[in-house]
Amino acid sequence: MNGSLIALFVWLVAANVLAMIPSKDNHWRRAYFLMGCAVPLVVWLFVQNPWWVGVLAIFAGMSVLRWPVIYLGRWLRRKVGGA
């Protein structure tokens, strides 16, 4: 197991611990912090591992940060002009 996979598992544990702590802003500040940390981590995963490991990491991050992904999808749908 290389360093990028260890960092991914640490990120996943930290994201779940941060989600368990109560928040007044519905965890949005923590989500922004986690997204900022995830981008270089996913790049590192794609560089050190096969492409499917990076894709699995993206899906794992999307499952943890599902509301930002939902809001991004809604925003993109409005911009494109969909229903």
PDB file of N, CA and C in Angstrom:
ATOM      1  N   MET A   1       0.863  -1.174   0.000  1.00  0.00           N
ATOM      2  CA  MET A   1       0.000   0.000   0.000  1.00  0.00           C
ATOM      3  C   MET A   1       0.904   1.229   0.000  1.00  0.00           C
ATOM      4  N   ASN A   2       0.693   2.087  -0.967  1.00  0.00           N
ATOM      5  CA  ASN A   2       1.543   3.259  -1.086  1.00  0.00           C
ATOM      6  C   ASN A   2       0.974   4.456  -0.317  1.00  0.00           C
ATOM      7  N   GLY A   3       1.714   5.521  -0.316  1.00  0.00           N
ATOM      8  CA  GLY A   3       1.351   6.696   0.477  1.00  0.00           C
ATOM      9  C   GLY A   3       0.059   7.359   0.061  1.00  0.00           C
ATOM     10  N   SER A   4      -0.234   7.327  -1.234  1.00  0.00           N
ATOM     11  CA  SER A   4      -1.469   7.973  -1.689  1.00  0.00           C
ATOM     12  C   SER A   4      -2.703   7.230  -1.198  1.00  0.00           C
ATOM     13  N   LEU A   5      -2.647   5.909  -1.148  1.00  0.00           N
ATOM     14  CA  LEU A   5      -3.788   5.148  -0.622  1.00  0.00           C
ATOM     15  C   LEU A   5      -3.957   5.357   0.877  1.00  0.00           C
ATOM     16  N   ILE A   6      -2.855   5.432   1.592  1.00  0.00           N
ATOM     17  CA  ILE A   6      -2.932   5.714   3.034  1.00  0.00           C
ATOM     18  C   ILE A   6      -3.536   7.092   3.261  1.00  0.00           C
ATOM     19  N   ALA A   7      -3.118   8.069   2.460  1.00  0.00           N
ATOM     20  CA  ALA A   7      -3.674   9.419   2.585  1.00  0.00           C
ATOM     21  C   ALA A   7      -5.159   9.432   2.261  1.00  0.00           C
ATOM     22  N   LEU A   8      -5.585   8.636   1.274  1.00  0.00           N
ATOM     23  CA  LEU A   8      -7.006   8.550   0.941  1.00  0.00           C
ATOM     24  C   LEU A   8      -7.801   8.000   2.117  1.00  0.00           C
ATOM     25  N   PHE A   9      -7.308   6.950   2.752  1.00  0.00           N
ATOM     26  CA  PHE A   9      -8.029   6.370   3.881  1.00  0.00           C
ATOM     27  C   PHE A   9      -8.059   7.314   5.079  1.00  0.00           C
ATOM     28  N   VAL A  10      -6.982   8.064   5.281  1.00  0.00           N
ATOM     29  CA  VAL A  10      -6.979   9.077   6.341  1.00  0.00           C
ATOM     30  C   VAL A  10      -7.994  10.167   6.026  1.00  0.00           C
ATOM     31  N   TRP A  11      -8.073  10.583   4.759  1.00  0.00           N
ATOM     32  CA  TRP A  11      -9.058  11.586   4.353  1.00  0.00           C
ATOM     33  C   TRP A  11     -10.472  11.083   4.588  1.00  0.00           C
ATOM     34  N   LEU A  12     -10.741   9.833   4.241  1.00  0.00           N
ATOM     35  CA  LEU A  12     -12.076   9.272   4.425  1.00  0.00           C
ATOM     36  C   LEU A  12     -12.461   9.192   5.905  1.00  0.00           C
ATOM     37  N   VAL A  13     -11.530   8.787   6.744  1.00  0.00           N
ATOM     38  CA  VAL A  13     -11.807   8.727   8.187  1.00  0.00           C
ATOM     39  C   VAL A  13     -12.021  10.135   8.736  1.00  0.00           C
ATOM     40  N   ALA A  14     -11.172  11.079   8.330  1.00  0.00           N
ATOM     41  CA  ALA A  14     -11.326  12.460   8.798  1.00  0.00           C
ATOM     42  C   ALA A  14     -12.654  13.055   8.338  1.00  0.00           C
ATOM     43  N   ALA A  15     -13.061  12.763   7.114  1.00  0.00           N
ATOM     44  CA  ALA A  15     -14.337  13.278   6.615  1.00  0.00           C
ATOM     45  C   ALA A  15     -15.503  12.718   7.417  1.00  0.00           C
ATOM     46  N   ASN A  16     -15.442  11.459   7.763  1.00  0.00           N
ATOM     47  CA  ASN A  16     -16.525  10.864   8.548  1.00  0.00           C
ATOM     48  C   ASN A  16     -16.542  11.386   9.976  1.00  0.00           C
ATOM     49  N   VAL A  17     -15.382  11.614  10.556  1.00  0.00           N
ATOM     50  CA  VAL A  17     -15.327  12.178  11.907  1.00  0.00           C
ATOM     51  C   VAL A  17     -15.847  13.612  11.897  1.00  0.00           C
ATOM     52  N   LEU A  18     -15.457  14.399  10.897  1.00  0.00           N
ATOM     53  CA  LEU A  18     -15.944  15.771  10.794  1.00  0.00           C
ATOM     54  C   LEU A  18     -17.451  15.819  10.575  1.00  0.00           C
ATOM     55  N   ALA A  19     -17.986  14.821   9.899  1.00  0.00           N
ATOM     56  CA  ALA A  19     -19.434  14.788   9.666  1.00  0.00           C
ATOM     57  C   ALA A  19     -20.202  14.475  10.944  1.00  0.00           C
ATOM     58  N   MET A  20     -19.575  13.812  11.900  1.00  0.00           N
ATOM     59  CA  MET A  20     -20.248  13.456  13.151  1.00  0.00           C
ATOM     60  C   MET A  20     -20.302  14.595  14.154  1.00  0.00           C
ATOM     61  N   ILE A  21     -19.443  15.595  13.986  1.00  0.00           N
ATOM     62  CA  ILE A  21     -19.388  16.713  14.915  1.00  0.00           C
ATOM     63  C   ILE A  21     -20.460  17.728  14.528  1.00  0.00           C
ATOM     64  N   PRO A  22     -21.265  18.202  15.487  1.00  0.00           N
ATOM     65  CA  PRO A  22     -22.315  19.177  15.153  1.00  0.00           C
ATOM     66  C   PRO A  22     -21.728  20.471  14.573  1.00  0.00           C
ATOM     67  N   SER A  23     -22.538  21.122  13.722  1.00  0.00           N
ATOM     68  CA  SER A  23     -22.086  22.334  13.057  1.00  0.00           C
ATOM     69  C   SER A  23     -23.250  23.296  12.900  1.00  0.00           C
ATOM     70  N   LYS A  24     -22.951  24.598  12.998  1.00  0.00           N
ATOM     71  CA  LYS A  24     -23.994  25.615  12.837  1.00  0.00           C
ATOM     72  C   LYS A  24     -24.244  25.960  11.372  1.00  0.00           C
ATOM     73  N   ASP A  25     -23.287  25.699  10.497  1.00  0.00           N
ATOM     74  CA  ASP A  25     -23.445  26.054   9.082  1.00  0.00           C
ATOM     75  C   ASP A  25     -23.698  24.832   8.200  1.00  0.00           C
ATOM     76  N   ASN A  26     -24.262  23.779   8.774  1.00  0.00           N
ATOM     77  CA  ASN A  26     -24.567  22.536   8.048  1.00  0.00           C
ATOM     78  C   ASN A  26     -23.340  21.923   7.385  1.00  0.00           C
ATOM     79  N   HIS A  27     -22.182  22.079   7.999  1.00  0.00           N
ATOM     80  CA  HIS A  27     -20.922  21.442   7.590  1.00  0.00           C
ATOM     81  C   HIS A  27     -20.338  21.988   6.290  1.00  0.00           C
ATOM     82  N   TRP A  28     -20.776  23.140   5.822  1.00  0.00           N
ATOM     83  CA  TRP A  28     -20.276  23.637   4.547  1.00  0.00           C
ATOM     84  C   TRP A  28     -18.812  24.050   4.621  1.00  0.00           C
ATOM     85  N   ARG A  29     -18.380  24.674   5.718  1.00  0.00           N
ATOM     86  CA  ARG A  29     -16.960  25.046   5.835  1.00  0.00           C
ATOM     87  C   ARG A  29     -16.079  23.814   5.810  1.00  0.00           C
ATOM     88  N   ARG A  30     -16.516  22.767   6.493  1.00  0.00           N
ATOM     89  CA  ARG A  30     -15.758  21.517   6.494  1.00  0.00           C
ATOM     90  C   ARG A  30     -15.752  20.882   5.116  1.00  0.00           C
ATOM     91  N   ALA A  31     -16.864  20.990   4.413  1.00  0.00           N
ATOM     92  CA  ALA A  31     -16.928  20.435   3.057  1.00  0.00           C
ATOM     93  C   ALA A  31     -15.957  21.166   2.132  1.00  0.00           C
ATOM     94  N   TYR A  32     -15.882  22.492   2.245  1.00  0.00           N
ATOM     95  CA  TYR A  32     -14.929  23.249   1.424  1.00  0.00           C
ATOM     96  C   TYR A  32     -13.493  22.842   1.741  1.00  0.00           C
ATOM     97  N   PHE A  33     -13.183  22.666   3.018  1.00  0.00           N
ATOM     98  CA  PHE A  33     -11.850  22.227   3.426  1.00  0.00           C
ATOM     99  C   PHE A  33     -11.542  20.839   2.860  1.00  0.00           C
ATOM    100  N   LEU A  34     -12.512  19.922   2.967  1.00  0.00           N
ATOM    101  CA  LEU A  34     -12.301  18.566   2.470  1.00  0.00           C
ATOM    102  C   LEU A  34     -12.144  18.540   0.948  1.00  0.00           C
ATOM    103  N   MET A  35     -12.904  19.380   0.239  1.00  0.00           N
ATOM    104  CA  MET A  35     -12.761  19.450  -1.216  1.00  0.00           C
ATOM    105  C   MET A  35     -11.388  19.995  -1.600  1.00  0.00           C
ATOM    106  N   GLY A  36     -10.925  20.986  -0.860  1.00  0.00           N
ATOM    107  CA  GLY A  36      -9.604  21.546  -1.137  1.00  0.00           C
ATOM    108  C   GLY A  36      -8.483  20.548  -0.909  1.00  0.00           C
ATOM    109  N   CYS A  37      -8.655  19.687   0.075  1.00  0.00           N
ATOM    110  CA  CYS A  37      -7.660  18.642   0.321  1.00  0.00           C
ATOM    111  C   CYS A  37      -7.791  17.484  -0.662  1.00  0.00           C
ATOM    112  N   ALA A  38      -8.988  17.246  -1.158  1.00  0.00           N
ATOM    113  CA  ALA A  38      -9.238  16.089  -2.018  1.00  0.00           C
ATOM    114  C   ALA A  38      -8.670  16.256  -3.420  1.00  0.00           C
ATOM    115  N   VAL A  39      -8.638  17.462  -3.925  1.00  0.00           N
ATOM    116  CA  VAL A  39      -8.181  17.664  -5.303  1.00  0.00           C
ATOM    117  C   VAL A  39      -6.723  17.230  -5.477  1.00  0.00           C
ATOM    118  N   PRO A  40      -5.785  17.696  -4.659  1.00  0.00           N
ATOM    119  CA  PRO A  40      -4.410  17.204  -4.844  1.00  0.00           C
ATOM    120  C   PRO A  40      -4.271  15.721  -4.513  1.00  0.00           C
ATOM    121  N   LEU A  41      -5.090  15.239  -3.594  1.00  0.00           N
ATOM    122  CA  LEU A  41      -5.043  13.824  -3.238  1.00  0.00           C
ATOM    123  C   LEU A  41      -5.464  12.942  -4.408  1.00  0.00           C
ATOM    124  N   VAL A  42      -6.504  13.338  -5.116  1.00  0.00           N
ATOM    125  CA  VAL A  42      -6.961  12.552  -6.267  1.00  0.00           C
ATOM    126  C   VAL A  42      -5.923  12.599  -7.394  1.00  0.00           C
ATOM    127  N   VAL A  43      -5.295  13.740  -7.591  1.00  0.00           N
ATOM    128  CA  VAL A  43      -4.228  13.827  -8.601  1.00  0.00           C
ATOM    129  C   VAL A  43      -3.092  12.894  -8.230  1.00  0.00           C
ATOM    130  N   TRP A  44      -2.715  12.880  -6.955  1.00  0.00           N
ATOM    131  CA  TRP A  44      -1.664  11.999  -6.464  1.00  0.00           C
ATOM    132  C   TRP A  44      -2.057  10.532  -6.662  1.00  0.00           C
ATOM    133  N   LEU A  45      -3.314  10.211  -6.419  1.00  0.00           N
ATOM    134  CA  LEU A  45      -3.791   8.845  -6.628  1.00  0.00           C
ATOM    135  C   LEU A  45      -3.703   8.443  -8.096  1.00  0.00           C
ATOM    136  N   PHE A  46      -4.089   9.340  -9.007  1.00  0.00           N
ATOM    137  CA  PHE A  46      -4.017   9.031 -10.426  1.00  0.00           C
ATOM    138  C   PHE A  46      -2.576   8.856 -10.890  1.00  0.00           C
ATOM    139  N   VAL A  47      -1.635   9.581 -10.282  1.00  0.00           N
ATOM    140  CA  VAL A  47      -0.238   9.478 -10.693  1.00  0.00           C
ATOM    141  C   VAL A  47       0.379   8.169 -10.204  1.00  0.00           C
ATOM    142  N   GLN A  48       0.077   7.763  -8.973  1.00  0.00           N
ATOM    143  CA  GLN A  48       0.740   6.600  -8.386  1.00  0.00           C
ATOM    144  C   GLN A  48       0.034   5.278  -8.615  1.00  0.00           C
ATOM    145  N   ASN A  49      -1.237   5.284  -8.983  1.00  0.00           N
ATOM    146  CA  ASN A  49      -2.017   4.059  -9.073  1.00  0.00           C
ATOM    147  C   ASN A  49      -2.679   3.953 -10.436  1.00  0.00           C
ATOM    148  N   PRO A  50      -3.272   2.791 -10.727  1.00  0.00           N
ATOM    149  CA  PRO A  50      -4.045   2.684 -11.976  1.00  0.00           C
ATOM    150  C   PRO A  50      -5.223   3.648 -11.982  1.00  0.00           C
ATOM    151  N   TRP A  51      -5.743   3.924 -13.173  1.00  0.00           N
ATOM    152  CA  TRP A  51      -6.805   4.924 -13.318  1.00  0.00           C
ATOM    153  C   TRP A  51      -8.044   4.559 -12.534  1.00  0.00           C
ATOM    154  N   TRP A  52      -8.360   3.273 -12.401  1.00  0.00           N
ATOM    155  CA  TRP A  52      -9.590   2.872 -11.723  1.00  0.00           C
ATOM    156  C   TRP A  52      -9.528   3.141 -10.225  1.00  0.00           C
ATOM    157  N   VAL A  53      -8.335   3.198  -9.641  1.00  0.00           N
ATOM    158  CA  VAL A  53      -8.218   3.553  -8.224  1.00  0.00           C
ATOM    159  C   VAL A  53      -8.596   5.020  -8.036  1.00  0.00           C
ATOM    160  N   GLY A  54      -8.172   5.879  -8.951  1.00  0.00           N
ATOM    161  CA  GLY A  54      -8.551   7.284  -8.888  1.00  0.00           C
ATOM    162  C   GLY A  54     -10.043   7.481  -9.072  1.00  0.00           C
ATOM    163  N   VAL A  55     -10.640   6.708  -9.969  1.00  0.00           N
ATOM    164  CA  VAL A  55     -12.082   6.809 -10.187  1.00  0.00           C
ATOM    165  C   VAL A  55     -12.838   6.344  -8.945  1.00  0.00           C
ATOM    166  N   LEU A  56     -12.381   5.250  -8.327  1.00  0.00           N
ATOM    167  CA  LEU A  56     -13.004   4.796  -7.079  1.00  0.00           C
ATOM    168  C   LEU A  56     -12.872   5.839  -5.976  1.00  0.00           C
ATOM    169  N   ALA A  57     -11.730   6.522  -5.923  1.00  0.00           N
ATOM    170  CA  ALA A  57     -11.540   7.573  -4.922  1.00  0.00           C
ATOM    171  C   ALA A  57     -12.482   8.740  -5.178  1.00  0.00           C
ATOM    172  N   ILE A  58     -12.712   9.085  -6.448  1.00  0.00           N
ATOM    173  CA  ILE A  58     -13.652  10.158  -6.774  1.00  0.00           C
ATOM    174  C   ILE A  58     -15.057   9.777  -6.328  1.00  0.00           C
ATOM    175  N   PHE A  59     -15.470   8.532  -6.610  1.00  0.00           N
ATOM    176  CA  PHE A  59     -16.799   8.091  -6.181  1.00  0.00           C
ATOM    177  C   PHE A  59     -16.912   8.029  -4.663  1.00  0.00           C
ATOM    178  N   ALA A  60     -15.838   7.642  -3.960  1.00  0.00           N
ATOM    179  CA  ALA A  60     -15.861   7.638  -2.500  1.00  0.00           C
ATOM    180  C   ALA A  60     -16.002   9.055  -1.961  1.00  0.00           C
ATOM    181  N   GLY A  61     -15.297  10.001  -2.561  1.00  0.00           N
ATOM    182  CA  GLY A  61     -15.422  11.395  -2.154  1.00  0.00           C
ATOM    183  C   GLY A  61     -16.791  11.958  -2.453  1.00  0.00           C
ATOM    184  N   MET A  62     -17.378  11.540  -3.580  1.00  0.00           N
ATOM    185  CA  MET A  62     -18.721  12.009  -3.918  1.00  0.00           C
ATOM    186  C   MET A  62     -19.761  11.448  -2.957  1.00  0.00           C
ATOM    187  N   SER A  63     -19.532  10.248  -2.438  1.00  0.00           N
ATOM    188  CA  SER A  63     -20.491   9.700  -1.484  1.00  0.00           C
ATOM    189  C   SER A  63     -20.389  10.399  -0.138  1.00  0.00           C
ATOM    190  N   VAL A  64     -19.202  10.849   0.216  1.00  0.00           N
ATOM    191  CA  VAL A  64     -19.033  11.577   1.480  1.00  0.00           C
ATOM    192  C   VAL A  64     -19.555  13.006   1.335  1.00  0.00           C
ATOM    193  N   LEU A  65     -19.235  13.650   0.229  1.00  0.00           N
ATOM    194  CA  LEU A  65     -19.634  15.038  -0.013  1.00  0.00           C
ATOM    195  C   LEU A  65     -20.801  15.086  -0.994  1.00  0.00           C
ATOM    196  N   ARG A  66     -21.872  14.378  -0.692  1.00  0.00           N
ATOM    197  CA  ARG A  66     -22.966  14.250  -1.652  1.00  0.00           C
ATOM    198  C   ARG A  66     -23.745  15.535  -1.854  1.00  0.00           C
ATOM    199  N   TRP A  67     -23.940  16.367  -0.835  1.00  0.00           N
ATOM    200  CA  TRP A  67     -24.728  17.588  -1.025  1.00  0.00           C
ATOM    201  C   TRP A  67     -24.027  18.608  -1.900  1.00  0.00           C
ATOM    202  N   PRO A  68     -22.735  18.815  -1.770  1.00  0.00           N
ATOM    203  CA  PRO A  68     -22.093  19.704  -2.744  1.00  0.00           C
ATOM    204  C   PRO A  68     -22.203  19.181  -4.178  1.00  0.00           C
ATOM    205  N   VAL A  69     -22.171  17.865  -4.349  1.00  0.00           N
ATOM    206  CA  VAL A  69     -22.308  17.290  -5.686  1.00  0.00           C
ATOM    207  C   VAL A  69     -23.733  17.502  -6.211  1.00  0.00           C
ATOM    208  N   ILE A  70     -24.727  17.334  -5.340  1.00  0.00           N
ATOM    209  CA  ILE A  70     -26.120  17.549  -5.739  1.00  0.00           C
ATOM    210  C   ILE A  70     -26.336  19.005  -6.141  1.00  0.00           C
ATOM    211  N   TYR A  71     -25.824  19.944  -5.339  1.00  0.00           N
ATOM    212  CA  TYR A  71     -25.977  21.362  -5.672  1.00  0.00           C
ATOM    213  C   TYR A  71     -25.224  21.729  -6.945  1.00  0.00           C
ATOM    214  N   LEU A  72     -24.069  21.118  -7.181  1.00  0.00           N
ATOM    215  CA  LEU A  72     -23.337  21.359  -8.422  1.00  0.00           C
ATOM    216  C   LEU A  72     -24.139  20.857  -9.616  1.00  0.00           C
ATOM    217  N   GLY A  73     -24.749  19.688  -9.491  1.00  0.00           N
ATOM    218  CA  GLY A  73     -25.577  19.170 -10.574  1.00  0.00           C
ATOM    219  C   GLY A  73     -26.772  20.054 -10.861  1.00  0.00           C
ATOM    220  N   ARG A  74     -27.410  20.565  -9.808  1.00  0.00           N
ATOM    221  CA  ARG A  74     -28.549  21.469 -10.002  1.00  0.00           C
ATOM    222  C   ARG A  74     -28.115  22.762 -10.673  1.00  0.00           C
ATOM    223  N   TRP A  75     -26.975  23.292 -10.262  1.00  0.00           N
ATOM    224  CA  TRP A  75     -26.465  24.534 -10.839  1.00  0.00           C
ATOM    225  C   TRP A  75     -26.124  24.329 -12.318  1.00  0.00           C
ATOM    226  N   LEU A  76     -25.470  23.207 -12.631  1.00  0.00           N
ATOM    227  CA  LEU A  76     -25.129  22.931 -14.026  1.00  0.00           C
ATOM    228  C   LEU A  76     -26.377  22.744 -14.882  1.00  0.00           C
ATOM    229  N   ARG A  77     -27.407  22.103 -14.320  1.00  0.00           N
ATOM    230  CA  ARG A  77     -28.637  21.909 -15.058  1.00  0.00           C
ATOM    231  C   ARG A  77     -29.315  23.256 -15.361  1.00  0.00           C
ATOM    232  N   ARG A  78     -29.266  24.186 -14.383  1.00  0.00           N
ATOM    233  CA  ARG A  78     -29.826  25.519 -14.620  1.00  0.00           C
ATOM    234  C   ARG A  78     -29.048  26.270 -15.678  1.00  0.00           C
ATOM    235  N   LYS A  79     -27.708  26.154 -15.649  1.00  0.00           N
ATOM    236  CA  LYS A  79     -26.865  26.865 -16.613  1.00  0.00           C
ATOM    237  C   LYS A  79     -27.038  26.329 -18.028  1.00  0.00           C
ATOM    238  N   VAL A  80     -27.198  25.026 -18.143  1.00  0.00           N
ATOM    239  CA  VAL A  80     -27.358  24.420 -19.459  1.00  0.00           C
ATOM    240  C   VAL A  80     -28.754  24.671 -19.992  1.00  0.00           C
ATOM    241  N   GLY A  81     -29.717  24.846 -19.088  1.00  0.00           N
ATOM    242  CA  GLY A  81     -31.072  25.141 -19.518  1.00  0.00           C
ATOM    243  C   GLY A  81     -31.986  23.937 -19.478  1.00  0.00           C
ATOM    244  N   GLY A  82     -31.603  22.921 -18.704  1.00  0.00           N
ATOM    245  CA  GLY A  82     -32.452  21.732 -18.602  1.00  0.00           C
ATOM    246  C   GLY A  82     -33.645  21.983 -17.721  1.00  0.00           C
ATOM    247  N   ALA A  83     -34.426  20.947 -17.532  1.00  0.00           N
ATOM    248  CA  ALA A  83     -35.675  21.056 -16.768  1.00  0.00           C
ATOM    249  C   ALA A  83     -35.435  21.367 -15.323  1.00  0.00           C
TER     250      ALA A  83
END
